Amino acid sequence: NTQNKVTVGIDINKLLVPTPPVEPYTQADLDNYRSQSVISSWFTS
């Protein structure tokens, strides 16, 4: 009515950055993680 109103909602969020390698990882794994471009990481995430 004019005095009572309710809103219910849900948000779902996802970071668009690479997932870091898990141990045990190699130096190559770490280099690949750090060297990813920003734009490609949005999709590969």
All heavy atoms as atom14 arrays in JSON, in Angstrom:
{
  "sequence": "NTQNKVTVGIDINKLLVPTPPVEPYTQADLDNYRSQSVISSWFTS",
  "atom14_mask": [
    [1, 1, 1, 1, 1, 1, 1, 1, 0, 0, 0, 0, 0, 0],
    [1, 1, 1, 1, 1, 1, 1, 0, 0, 0, 0, 0, 0, 0],
    [1, 1, 1, 1, 1, 1, 1, 1, 1, 0, 0, 0, 0, 0],
    [1, 1, 1, 1, 1, 1, 1, 1, 0, 0, 0, 0, 0, 0],
    [1, 1, 1, 1, 1, 1, 1, 1, 1, 0, 0, 0, 0, 0],
    [1, 1, 1, 1, 1, 1, 1, 0, 0, 0, 0, 0, 0, 0],
    [1, 1, 1, 1, 1, 1, 1, 0, 0, 0, 0, 0, 0, 0],
    [1, 1, 1, 1, 1, 1, 1, 0, 0, 0, 0, 0, 0, 0],
    [1, 1, 1, 1, 0, 0, 0, 0, 0, 0, 0, 0, 0, 0],
    [1, 1, 1, 1, 1, 1, 1, 1, 0, 0, 0, 0, 0, 0],
    [1, 1, 1, 1, 1, 1, 1, 1, 0, 0, 0, 0, 0, 0],
    [1, 1, 1, 1, 1, 1, 1, 1, 0, 0, 0, 0, 0, 0],
    [1, 1, 1, 1, 1, 1, 1, 1, 0, 0, 0, 0, 0, 0],
    [1, 1, 1, 1, 1, 1, 1, 1, 1, 0, 0, 0, 0, 0],
    [1, 1, 1, 1, 1, 1, 1, 1, 0, 0, 0, 0, 0, 0],
    [1, 1, 1, 1, 1, 1, 1, 1, 0, 0, 0, 0, 0, 0],
    [1, 1, 1, 1, 1, 1, 1, 0, 0, 0, 0, 0, 0, 0],
    [1, 1, 1, 1, 1, 1, 1, 0, 0, 0, 0, 0, 0, 0],
    [1, 1, 1, 1, 1, 1, 1, 0, 0, 0, 0, 0, 0, 0],
    [1, 1, 1, 1, 1, 1, 1, 0, 0, 0, 0, 0, 0, 0],
    [1, 1, 1, 1, 1, 1, 1, 0, 0, 0, 0, 0, 0, 0],
    [1, 1, 1, 1, 1, 1, 1, 0, 0, 0, 0, 0, 0, 0],
    [1, 1, 1, 1, 1, 1, 1, 1, 1, 0, 0, 0, 0, 0],
    [1, 1, 1, 1, 1, 1, 1, 0, 0, 0, 0, 0, 0, 0],
    [1, 1, 1, 1, 1, 1, 1, 1, 1, 1, 1, 1, 0, 0],
    [1, 1, 1, 1, 1, 1, 1, 0, 0, 0, 0, 0, 0, 0],
    [1, 1, 1, 1, 1, 1, 1, 1, 1, 0, 0, 0, 0, 0],
    [1, 1, 1, 1, 1, 0, 0, 0, 0, 0, 0, 0, 0, 0],
    [1, 1, 1, 1, 1, 1, 1, 1, 0, 0, 0, 0, 0, 0],
    [1, 1, 1, 1, 1, 1, 1, 1, 0, 0, 0, 0, 0, 0],
    [1, 1, 1, 1, 1, 1, 1, 1, 0, 0, 0, 0, 0, 0],
    [1, 1, 1, 1, 1, 1, 1, 1, 0, 0, 0, 0, 0, 0],
    [1, 1, 1, 1, 1, 1, 1, 1, 1, 1, 1, 1, 0, 0],
    [1, 1, 1, 1, 1, 1, 1, 1, 1, 1, 1, 0, 0, 0],
    [1, 1, 1, 1, 1, 1, 0, 0, 0, 0, 0, 0, 0, 0],
    [1, 1, 1, 1, 1, 1, 1, 1, 1, 0, 0, 0, 0, 0],
    [1, 1, 1, 1, 1, 1, 0, 0, 0, 0, 0, 0, 0, 0],
    [1, 1, 1, 1, 1, 1, 1, 0, 0, 0, 0, 0, 0, 0],
    [1, 1, 1, 1, 1, 1, 1, 1, 0, 0, 0, 0, 0, 0],
    [1, 1, 1, 1, 1, 1, 0, 0, 0, 0, 0, 0, 0, 0],
    [1, 1, 1, 1, 1, 1, 0, 0, 0, 0, 0, 0, 0, 0],
    [1, 1, 1, 1, 1, 1, 1, 1, 1, 1, 1, 1, 1, 1],
    [1, 1, 1, 1, 1, 1, 1, 1, 1, 1, 1, 0, 0, 0],
    [1, 1, 1, 1, 1, 1, 1, 0, 0, 0, 0, 0, 0, 0],
    [1, 1, 1, 1, 1, 1, 0, 0, 0, 0, 0, 0, 0, 0]
  ],
  "atom14_positions": [
    [[0.87, -1.17, 0.0], [0.0, 0.0, 0.0], [0.9, 1.22, 0.0], [2.12, 1.1, -0.21], [-0.95, -0.01, 1.2], [-0.23, -0.28, 2.52], [0.76, 0.37, 2.82], [-0.73, -1.23, 3.3], [0.0, 0.0, 0.0], [0.0, 0.0, 0.0], [0.0, 0.0, 0.0], [0.0, 0.0, 0.0], [0.0, 0.0, 0.0], [0.0, 0.0, 0.0]],
    [[0.36, 2.38, 0.22], [1.17, 3.61, 0.17], [2.17, 3.72, 1.3], [3.1, 4.53, 1.24], [0.25, 4.84, 0.19], [-0.56, 4.81, 1.37], [-0.64, 4.88, -1.04], [0.0, 0.0, 0.0], [0.0, 0.0, 0.0], [0.0, 0.0, 0.0], [0.0, 0.0, 0.0], [0.0, 0.0, 0.0], [0.0, 0.0, 0.0], [0.0, 0.0, 0.0]],
    [[2.01, 2.9, 2.34], [2.9, 3.0, 3.5], [3.88, 1.85, 3.64], [4.9, 2.0, 4.31], [2.07, 3.11, 4.78], [1.3, 4.41, 4.92], [0.6, 4.5, 6.26], [0.04, 3.52, 6.75], [0.65, 5.67, 6.88], [0.0, 0.0, 0.0], [0.0, 0.0, 0.0], [0.0, 0.0, 0.0], [0.0, 0.0, 0.0], [0.0, 0.0, 0.0]],
    [[3.61, 0.7, 3.05], [4.44, -0.48, 3.26], [4.95, -1.05, 1.94], [4.15, -1.33, 1.04], [3.63, -1.56, 3.99], [3.17, -1.11, 5.36], [3.91, -1.17, 6.34], [1.91, -0.65, 5.43], [0.0, 0.0, 0.0], [0.0, 0.0, 0.0], [0.0, 0.0, 0.0], [0.0, 0.0, 0.0], [0.0, 0.0, 0.0], [0.0, 0.0, 0.0]],
    [[6.27, -1.22, 1.85], [6.87, -1.78, 0.65], [8.07, -2.64, 1.03], [8.77, -2.39, 2.02], [7.28, -0.68, -0.32], [8.28, 0.31, 0.23], [8.54, 1.46, -0.75], [7.33, 2.34, -0.89], [7.59, 3.54, -1.73], [0.0, 0.0, 0.0], [0.0, 0.0, 0.0], [0.0, 0.0, 0.0], [0.0, 0.0, 0.0], [0.0, 0.0, 0.0]],
    [[8.3, -3.68, 0.23], [9.37, -4.63, 0.5], [10.15, -4.9, -0.78], [9.56, -4.98, -1.88], [8.81, -5.96, 1.06], [9.9, -7.03, 1.12], [8.21, -5.76, 2.43], [0.0, 0.0, 0.0], [0.0, 0.0, 0.0], [0.0, 0.0, 0.0], [0.0, 0.0, 0.0], [0.0, 0.0, 0.0], [0.0, 0.0, 0.0], [0.0, 0.0, 0.0]],
    [[11.45, -5.04, -0.65], [12.33, -5.43, -1.74], [13.18, -6.61, -1.29], [13.74, -6.59, -0.18], [13.25, -4.28, -2.17], [12.48, -3.19, -2.66], [14.22, -4.73, -3.26], [0.0, 0.0, 0.0], [0.0, 0.0, 0.0], [0.0, 0.0, 0.0], [0.0, 0.0, 0.0], [0.0, 0.0, 0.0], [0.0, 0.0, 0.0], [0.0, 0.0, 0.0]],
    [[13.27, -7.65, -2.12], [14.18, -8.77, -1.86], [15.04, -8.95, -3.1], [14.57, -8.73, -4.23], [13.42, -10.08, -1.53], [12.69, -9.96, -0.22], [12.46, -10.45, -2.65], [0.0, 0.0, 0.0], [0.0, 0.0, 0.0], [0.0, 0.0, 0.0], [0.0, 0.0, 0.0], [0.0, 0.0, 0.0], [0.0, 0.0, 0.0], [0.0, 0.0, 0.0]],
    [[16.3, -9.33, -2.9], [17.18, -9.43, -4.06], [18.36, -10.33, -3.86], [18.67, -10.79, -2.75], [0.0, 0.0, 0.0], [0.0, 0.0, 0.0], [0.0, 0.0, 0.0], [0.0, 0.0, 0.0], [0.0, 0.0, 0.0], [0.0, 0.0, 0.0], [0.0, 0.0, 0.0], [0.0, 0.0, 0.0], [0.0, 0.0, 0.0], [0.0, 0.0, 0.0]],
    [[19.05, -10.58, -4.97], [20.25, -11.41, -4.98], [21.27, -10.81, -5.95], [20.9, -10.32, -7.02], [19.93, -12.87, -5.38], [21.21, -13.72, -5.38], [19.23, -12.93, -6.74], [20.94, -15.2, -5.59], [0.0, 0.0, 0.0], [0.0, 0.0, 0.0], [0.0, 0.0, 0.0], [0.0, 0.0, 0.0], [0.0, 0.0, 0.0], [0.0, 0.0, 0.0]],
    [[22.52, -10.79, -5.55], [23.64, -10.43, -6.42], [24.59, -11.62, -6.49], [24.83, -12.3, -5.48], [24.42, -9.24, -5.86], [23.76, -7.91, -6.13], [22.67, -7.89, -6.74], [24.34, -6.87, -5.72], [0.0, 0.0, 0.0], [0.0, 0.0, 0.0], [0.0, 0.0, 0.0], [0.0, 0.0, 0.0], [0.0, 0.0, 0.0], [0.0, 0.0, 0.0]],
    [[25.15, -11.85, -7.68], [26.18, -12.86, -7.87], [27.38, -12.16, -8.48], [27.26, -11.46, -9.49], [25.7, -14.0, -8.78], [24.5, -14.71, -8.14], [26.83, -14.99, -9.05], [23.88, -15.77, -9.03], [0.0, 0.0, 0.0], [0.0, 0.0, 0.0], [0.0, 0.0, 0.0], [0.0, 0.0, 0.0], [0.0, 0.0, 0.0], [0.0, 0.0, 0.0]],
    [[28.55, -12.32, -7.85], [29.76, -11.64, -8.3], [30.87, -12.63, -8.61], [31.0, -13.66, -7.95], [30.24, -10.66, -7.23], [29.39, -9.41, -7.16], [29.55, -8.49, -7.95], [28.45, -9.38, -6.22], [0.0, 0.0, 0.0], [0.0, 0.0, 0.0], [0.0, 0.0, 0.0], [0.0, 0.0, 0.0], [0.0, 0.0, 0.0], [0.0, 0.0, 0.0]],
    [[31.69, -12.28, -9.6], [32.83, -13.11, -10.0], [33.99, -12.21, -10.37], [33.86, -11.33, -11.23], [32.45, -13.97, -11.21], [33.59, -14.72, -11.88], [34.05, -15.89, -11.03], [34.95, -16.85, -11.81], [36.25, -16.23, -12.21], [0.0, 0.0, 0.0], [0.0, 0.0, 0.0], [0.0, 0.0, 0.0], [0.0, 0.0, 0.0], [0.0, 0.0, 0.0]],
    [[35.13, -12.38, -9.71], [36.33, -11.64, -10.06], [36.83, -12.09, -11.43], [36.95, -13.3, -11.7], [37.43, -11.84, -9.02], [37.27, -11.07, -7.7], [38.31, -11.53, -6.69], [37.38, -9.57, -7.94], [0.0, 0.0, 0.0], [0.0, 0.0, 0.0], [0.0, 0.0, 0.0], [0.0, 0.0, 0.0], [0.0, 0.0, 0.0], [0.0, 0.0, 0.0]],
    [[37.16, -11.13, -12.29], [37.64, -11.43, -13.64], [39.17, -11.34, -13.68], [39.75, -10.59, -14.48], [37.01, -10.47, -14.64], [35.48, -10.43, -14.65], [34.98, -9.44, -15.7], [34.9, -11.81, -14.91], [0.0, 0.0, 0.0], [0.0, 0.0, 0.0], [0.0, 0.0, 0.0], [0.0, 0.0, 0.0], [0.0, 0.0, 0.0], [0.0, 0.0, 0.0]],
    [[39.81, -12.07, -12.8], [41.27, -12.12, -12.73], [41.69, -13.59, -12.65], [40.91, -14.46, -12.27], [41.81, -11.35, -11.51], [41.49, -9.87, -11.63], [41.24, -11.9, -10.23], [0.0, 0.0, 0.0], [0.0, 0.0, 0.0], [0.0, 0.0, 0.0], [0.0, 0.0, 0.0], [0.0, 0.0, 0.0], [0.0, 0.0, 0.0], [0.0, 0.0, 0.0]],
    [[42.94, -13.89, -13.03], [43.38, -15.29, -13.05], [43.38, -15.94, -11.68], [43.62, -15.29, -10.66], [44.81, -15.21, -13.61], [44.9, -13.88, -14.27], [43.99, -12.98, -13.52], [0.0, 0.0, 0.0], [0.0, 0.0, 0.0], [0.0, 0.0, 0.0], [0.0, 0.0, 0.0], [0.0, 0.0, 0.0], [0.0, 0.0, 0.0], [0.0, 0.0, 0.0]],
    [[43.09, -17.22, -11.66], [43.25, -18.02, -10.45], [44.72, -18.38, -10.3], [45.33, -18.88, -11.25], [42.42, -19.31, -10.53], [41.06, -18.97, -10.78], [42.53, -20.1, -9.23], [0.0, 0.0, 0.0], [0.0, 0.0, 0.0], [0.0, 0.0, 0.0], [0.0, 0.0, 0.0], [0.0, 0.0, 0.0], [0.0, 0.0, 0.0], [0.0, 0.0, 0.0]],
    [[45.34, -18.12, -9.15], [46.77, -18.42, -9.0], [47.02, -19.92, -9.03], [46.14, -20.72, -8.7], [47.11, -17.82, -7.64], [45.81, -17.77, -6.9], [44.76, -17.53, -7.94], [0.0, 0.0, 0.0], [0.0, 0.0, 0.0], [0.0, 0.0, 0.0], [0.0, 0.0, 0.0], [0.0, 0.0, 0.0], [0.0, 0.0, 0.0], [0.0, 0.0, 0.0]],
    [[48.23, -20.33, -9.44], [48.56, -21.75, -9.42], [48.62, -22.27, -8.0], [48.88, -21.53, -7.06], [49.93, -21.8, -10.1], [50.51, -20.44, -9.88], [49.36, -19.49, -9.9], [0.0, 0.0, 0.0], [0.0, 0.0, 0.0], [0.0, 0.0, 0.0], [0.0, 0.0, 0.0], [0.0, 0.0, 0.0], [0.0, 0.0, 0.0], [0.0, 0.0, 0.0]],
    [[48.36, -23.56, -7.83], [48.4, -24.17, -6.5], [49.73, -24.9, -6.33], [50.33, -25.37, -7.29], [47.23, -25.15, -6.3], [45.91, -24.41, -6.29], [47.21, -26.22, -7.37], [0.0, 0.0, 0.0], [0.0, 0.0, 0.0], [0.0, 0.0, 0.0], [0.0, 0.0, 0.0], [0.0, 0.0, 0.0], [0.0, 0.0, 0.0], [0.0, 0.0, 0.0]],
    [[50.17, -24.98, -5.1], [51.41, -25.7, -4.81], [51.2, -27.2, -4.95], [50.11, -27.71, -4.61], [51.9, -25.35, -3.4], [52.3, -23.89, -3.25], [52.86, -23.59, -1.87], [52.86, -24.51, -1.02], [53.31, -22.46, -1.65], [0.0, 0.0, 0.0], [0.0, 0.0, 0.0], [0.0, 0.0, 0.0], [0.0, 0.0, 0.0], [0.0, 0.0, 0.0]],
    [[52.22, -27.94, -5.41], [53.52, -27.42, -5.84], [53.45, -26.89, -7.27], [52.96, -27.56, -8.17], [54.41, -28.66, -5.75], [53.48, -29.8, -6.03], [52.15, -29.41, -5.45], [0.0, 0.0, 0.0], [0.0, 0.0, 0.0], [0.0, 0.0, 0.0], [0.0, 0.0, 0.0], [0.0, 0.0, 0.0], [0.0, 0.0, 0.0], [0.0, 0.0, 0.0]],
    [[53.9, -25.66, -7.47], [53.91, -25.09, -8.81], [55.35, -24.76, -9.21], [56.24, -24.61, -8.38], [53.04, -23.84, -8.89], [53.38, -22.77, -7.89], [54.44, -21.89, -8.09], [52.6, -22.6, -6.75], [54.74, -20.9, -7.18], [52.89, -21.61, -5.82], [53.96, -20.76, -6.04], [54.25, -19.78, -5.14], [0.0, 0.0, 0.0], [0.0, 0.0, 0.0]],
    [[55.56, -24.69, -10.52], [56.88, -24.4, -11.06], [57.03, -22.9, -11.29], [56.05, -22.15, -11.26], [57.1, -25.14, -12.38], [56.19, -24.62, -13.36], [56.85, -26.64, -12.21], [0.0, 0.0, 0.0], [0.0, 0.0, 0.0], [0.0, 0.0, 0.0], [0.0, 0.0, 0.0], [0.0, 0.0, 0.0], [0.0, 0.0, 0.0], [0.0, 0.0, 0.0]],
    [[58.25, -22.47, -11.54], [58.48, -21.07, -11.87], [57.76, -20.7, -13.14], [57.27, -19.58, -13.29], [59.98, -20.8, -12.0], [60.33, -19.34, -12.24], [59.89, -18.43, -11.11], [60.06, -18.76, -9.94], [59.32, -17.27, -11.45], [0.0, 0.0, 0.0], [0.0, 0.0, 0.0], [0.0, 0.0, 0.0], [0.0, 0.0, 0.0], [0.0, 0.0, 0.0]],
    [[57.67, -21.66, -14.06], [56.95, -21.4, -15.31], [55.47, -21.13, -15.05], [54.86, -20.26, -15.69], [57.12, -22.57, -16.27], [0.0, 0.0, 0.0], [0.0, 0.0, 0.0], [0.0, 0.0, 0.0], [0.0, 0.0, 0.0], [0.0, 0.0, 0.0], [0.0, 0.0, 0.0], [0.0, 0.0, 0.0], [0.0, 0.0, 0.0], [0.0, 0.0, 0.0]],
    [[54.89, -21.88, -14.1], [53.48, -21.66, -13.74], [53.29, -20.24, -13.2], [52.33, -19.54, -13.56], [53.02, -22.66, -12.68], [52.98, -24.08, -13.2], [52.75, -24.26, -14.41], [53.18, -25.01, -12.39], [0.0, 0.0, 0.0], [0.0, 0.0, 0.0], [0.0, 0.0, 0.0], [0.0, 0.0, 0.0], [0.0, 0.0, 0.0], [0.0, 0.0, 0.0]],
    [[54.21, -19.81, -12.34], [54.12, -18.48, -11.76], [54.32, -17.4, -12.81], [53.62, -16.38, -12.82], [55.16, -18.33, -10.64], [55.06, -17.07, -9.78], [53.7, -16.99, -9.1], [56.18, -17.04, -8.74], [0.0, 0.0, 0.0], [0.0, 0.0, 0.0], [0.0, 0.0, 0.0], [0.0, 0.0, 0.0], [0.0, 0.0, 0.0], [0.0, 0.0, 0.0]],
    [[55.27, -17.64, -13.74], [55.51, -16.66, -14.81], [54.3, -16.54, -15.72], [53.94, -15.43, -16.14], [56.74, -17.08, -15.62], [58.04, -16.95, -14.83], [58.05, -16.22, -13.81], [59.04, -17.57, -15.23], [0.0, 0.0, 0.0], [0.0, 0.0, 0.0], [0.0, 0.0, 0.0], [0.0, 0.0, 0.0], [0.0, 0.0, 0.0], [0.0, 0.0, 0.0]],
    [[53.67, -17.66, -16.02], [52.48, -17.62, -16.87], [51.34, -16.87, -16.2], [50.59, -16.13, -16.84], [52.03, -19.04, -17.22], [52.97, -19.74, -18.17], [53.7, -19.09, -18.93], [52.99, -21.07, -18.13], [0.0, 0.0, 0.0], [0.0, 0.0, 0.0], [0.0, 0.0, 0.0], [0.0, 0.0, 0.0], [0.0, 0.0, 0.0], [0.0, 0.0, 0.0]],
    [[51.22, -17.07, -14.9], [50.18, -16.37, -14.15], [50.4, -14.86, -14.18], [49.47, -14.08, -14.43], [50.18, -16.89, -12.7], [49.39, -16.05, -11.73], [48.0, -16.02, -11.77], [50.05, -15.28, -10.76], [47.28, -15.25, -10.87], [49.33, -14.52, -9.85], [47.96, -14.5, -9.92], [47.25, -13.74, -9.03], [0.0, 0.0, 0.0], [0.0, 0.0, 0.0]],
    [[51.63, -14.44, -13.96], [51.93, -13.01, -13.91], [51.92, -12.35, -15.27], [51.64, -11.15, -15.4], [53.29, -12.78, -13.25], [53.32, -13.05, -11.76], [54.61, -12.53, -11.15], [54.58, -12.61, -9.7], [54.01, -11.73, -8.89], [53.39, -10.7, -9.43], [54.04, -11.87, -7.59], [0.0, 0.0, 0.0], [0.0, 0.0, 0.0], [0.0, 0.0, 0.0]],
    [[52.22, -13.11, -16.32], [52.37, -12.52, -17.64], [51.07, -12.41, -18.43], [51.05, -11.84, -19.52], [53.38, -13.33, -18.46], [52.9, -14.65, -18.7], [0.0, 0.0, 0.0], [0.0, 0.0, 0.0], [0.0, 0.0, 0.0], [0.0, 0.0, 0.0], [0.0, 0.0, 0.0], [0.0, 0.0, 0.0], [0.0, 0.0, 0.0], [0.0, 0.0, 0.0]],
    [[49.99, -12.94, -17.9], [48.72, -12.85, -18.62], [48.32, -11.39, -18.82], [48.48, -10.56, -17.93], [47.61, -13.57, -17.85], [47.74, -15.07, -17.84], [46.5, -15.73, -17.26], [45.39, -15.55, -17.77], [46.67, -16.47, -16.19], [0.0, 0.0, 0.0], [0.0, 0.0, 0.0], [0.0, 0.0, 0.0], [0.0, 0.0, 0.0], [0.0, 0.0, 0.0]],
    [[47.8, -11.11, -20.01], [47.34, -9.75, -20.28], [46.02, -9.5, -19.55], [45.29, -10.44, -19.21], [47.15, -9.55, -21.78], [46.04, -10.29, -22.25], [0.0, 0.0, 0.0], [0.0, 0.0, 0.0], [0.0, 0.0, 0.0], [0.0, 0.0, 0.0], [0.0, 0.0, 0.0], [0.0, 0.0, 0.0], [0.0, 0.0, 0.0], [0.0, 0.0, 0.0]],
    [[45.73, -8.24, -19.34], [44.52, -7.87, -18.61], [43.27, -8.33, -19.36], [42.38, -8.97, -18.78], [44.47, -6.35, -18.38], [43.11, -5.93, -17.87], [45.55, -5.93, -17.39], [0.0, 0.0, 0.0], [0.0, 0.0, 0.0], [0.0, 0.0, 0.0], [0.0, 0.0, 0.0], [0.0, 0.0, 0.0], [0.0, 0.0, 0.0], [0.0, 0.0, 0.0]],
    [[43.2, -8.02, -20.65], [41.99, -8.33, -21.4], [41.77, -9.84, -21.5], [40.64, -10.33, -21.29], [42.06, -7.7, -22.81], [42.06, -6.17, -22.69], [40.88, -8.16, -23.66], [42.18, -5.45, -24.01], [0.0, 0.0, 0.0], [0.0, 0.0, 0.0], [0.0, 0.0, 0.0], [0.0, 0.0, 0.0], [0.0, 0.0, 0.0], [0.0, 0.0, 0.0]],
    [[42.81, -10.6, -21.78], [42.63, -12.05, -21.88], [42.22, -12.65, -20.55], [41.45, -13.62, -20.5], [43.92, -12.71, -22.38], [44.97, -12.6, -21.43], [0.0, 0.0, 0.0], [0.0, 0.0, 0.0], [0.0, 0.0, 0.0], [0.0, 0.0, 0.0], [0.0, 0.0, 0.0], [0.0, 0.0, 0.0], [0.0, 0.0, 0.0], [0.0, 0.0, 0.0]],
    [[42.69, -12.07, -19.45], [42.36, -12.62, -18.13], [40.87, -12.48, -17.82], [40.32, -13.27, -17.06], [43.19, -11.94, -17.05], [42.81, -10.58, -16.86], [0.0, 0.0, 0.0], [0.0, 0.0, 0.0], [0.0, 0.0, 0.0], [0.0, 0.0, 0.0], [0.0, 0.0, 0.0], [0.0, 0.0, 0.0], [0.0, 0.0, 0.0], [0.0, 0.0, 0.0]],
    [[40.21, -11.46, -18.38], [38.78, -11.3, -18.15], [38.01, -12.52, -18.65], [37.0, -12.92, -18.06], [38.25, -10.05, -18.85], [38.87, -8.78, -18.38], [39.54, -8.56, -17.21], [38.88, -7.52, -19.08], [39.99, -7.26, -17.15], [39.59, -6.59, -18.27], [38.37, -7.09, -20.3], [39.79, -5.26, -18.66], [38.57, -5.77, -20.69], [39.27, -4.88, -19.88]],
    [[38.48, -13.12, -19.73], [37.79, -14.26, -20.33], [38.29, -15.59, -19.77], [37.49, -16.48, -19.47], [37.96, -14.22, -21.85], [37.42, -12.98, -22.49], [38.25, -11.9, -22.77], [36.07, -12.87, -22.79], [37.75, -10.74, -23.35], [35.55, -11.72, -23.37], [36.4, -10.65, -23.65], [0.0, 0.0, 0.0], [0.0, 0.0, 0.0], [0.0, 0.0, 0.0]],
    [[39.61, -15.72, -19.61], [40.16, -16.99, -19.11], [39.85, -17.22, -17.65], [39.98, -18.34, -17.15], [41.68, -17.05, -19.33], [42.31, -15.95, -18.64], [42.01, -16.96, -20.82], [0.0, 0.0, 0.0], [0.0, 0.0, 0.0], [0.0, 0.0, 0.0], [0.0, 0.0, 0.0], [0.0, 0.0, 0.0], [0.0, 0.0, 0.0], [0.0, 0.0, 0.0]],
    [[39.43, -16.16, -16.92], [39.11, -16.32, -15.5], [37.95, -17.28, -15.27], [37.76, -17.76, -14.16], [38.79, -14.96, -14.87], [37.63, -14.38, -15.45], [0.0, 0.0, 0.0], [0.0, 0.0, 0.0], [0.0, 0.0, 0.0], [0.0, 0.0, 0.0], [0.0, 0.0, 0.0], [0.0, 0.0, 0.0], [0.0, 0.0, 0.0], [0.0, 0.0, 0.0]]
  ]
}
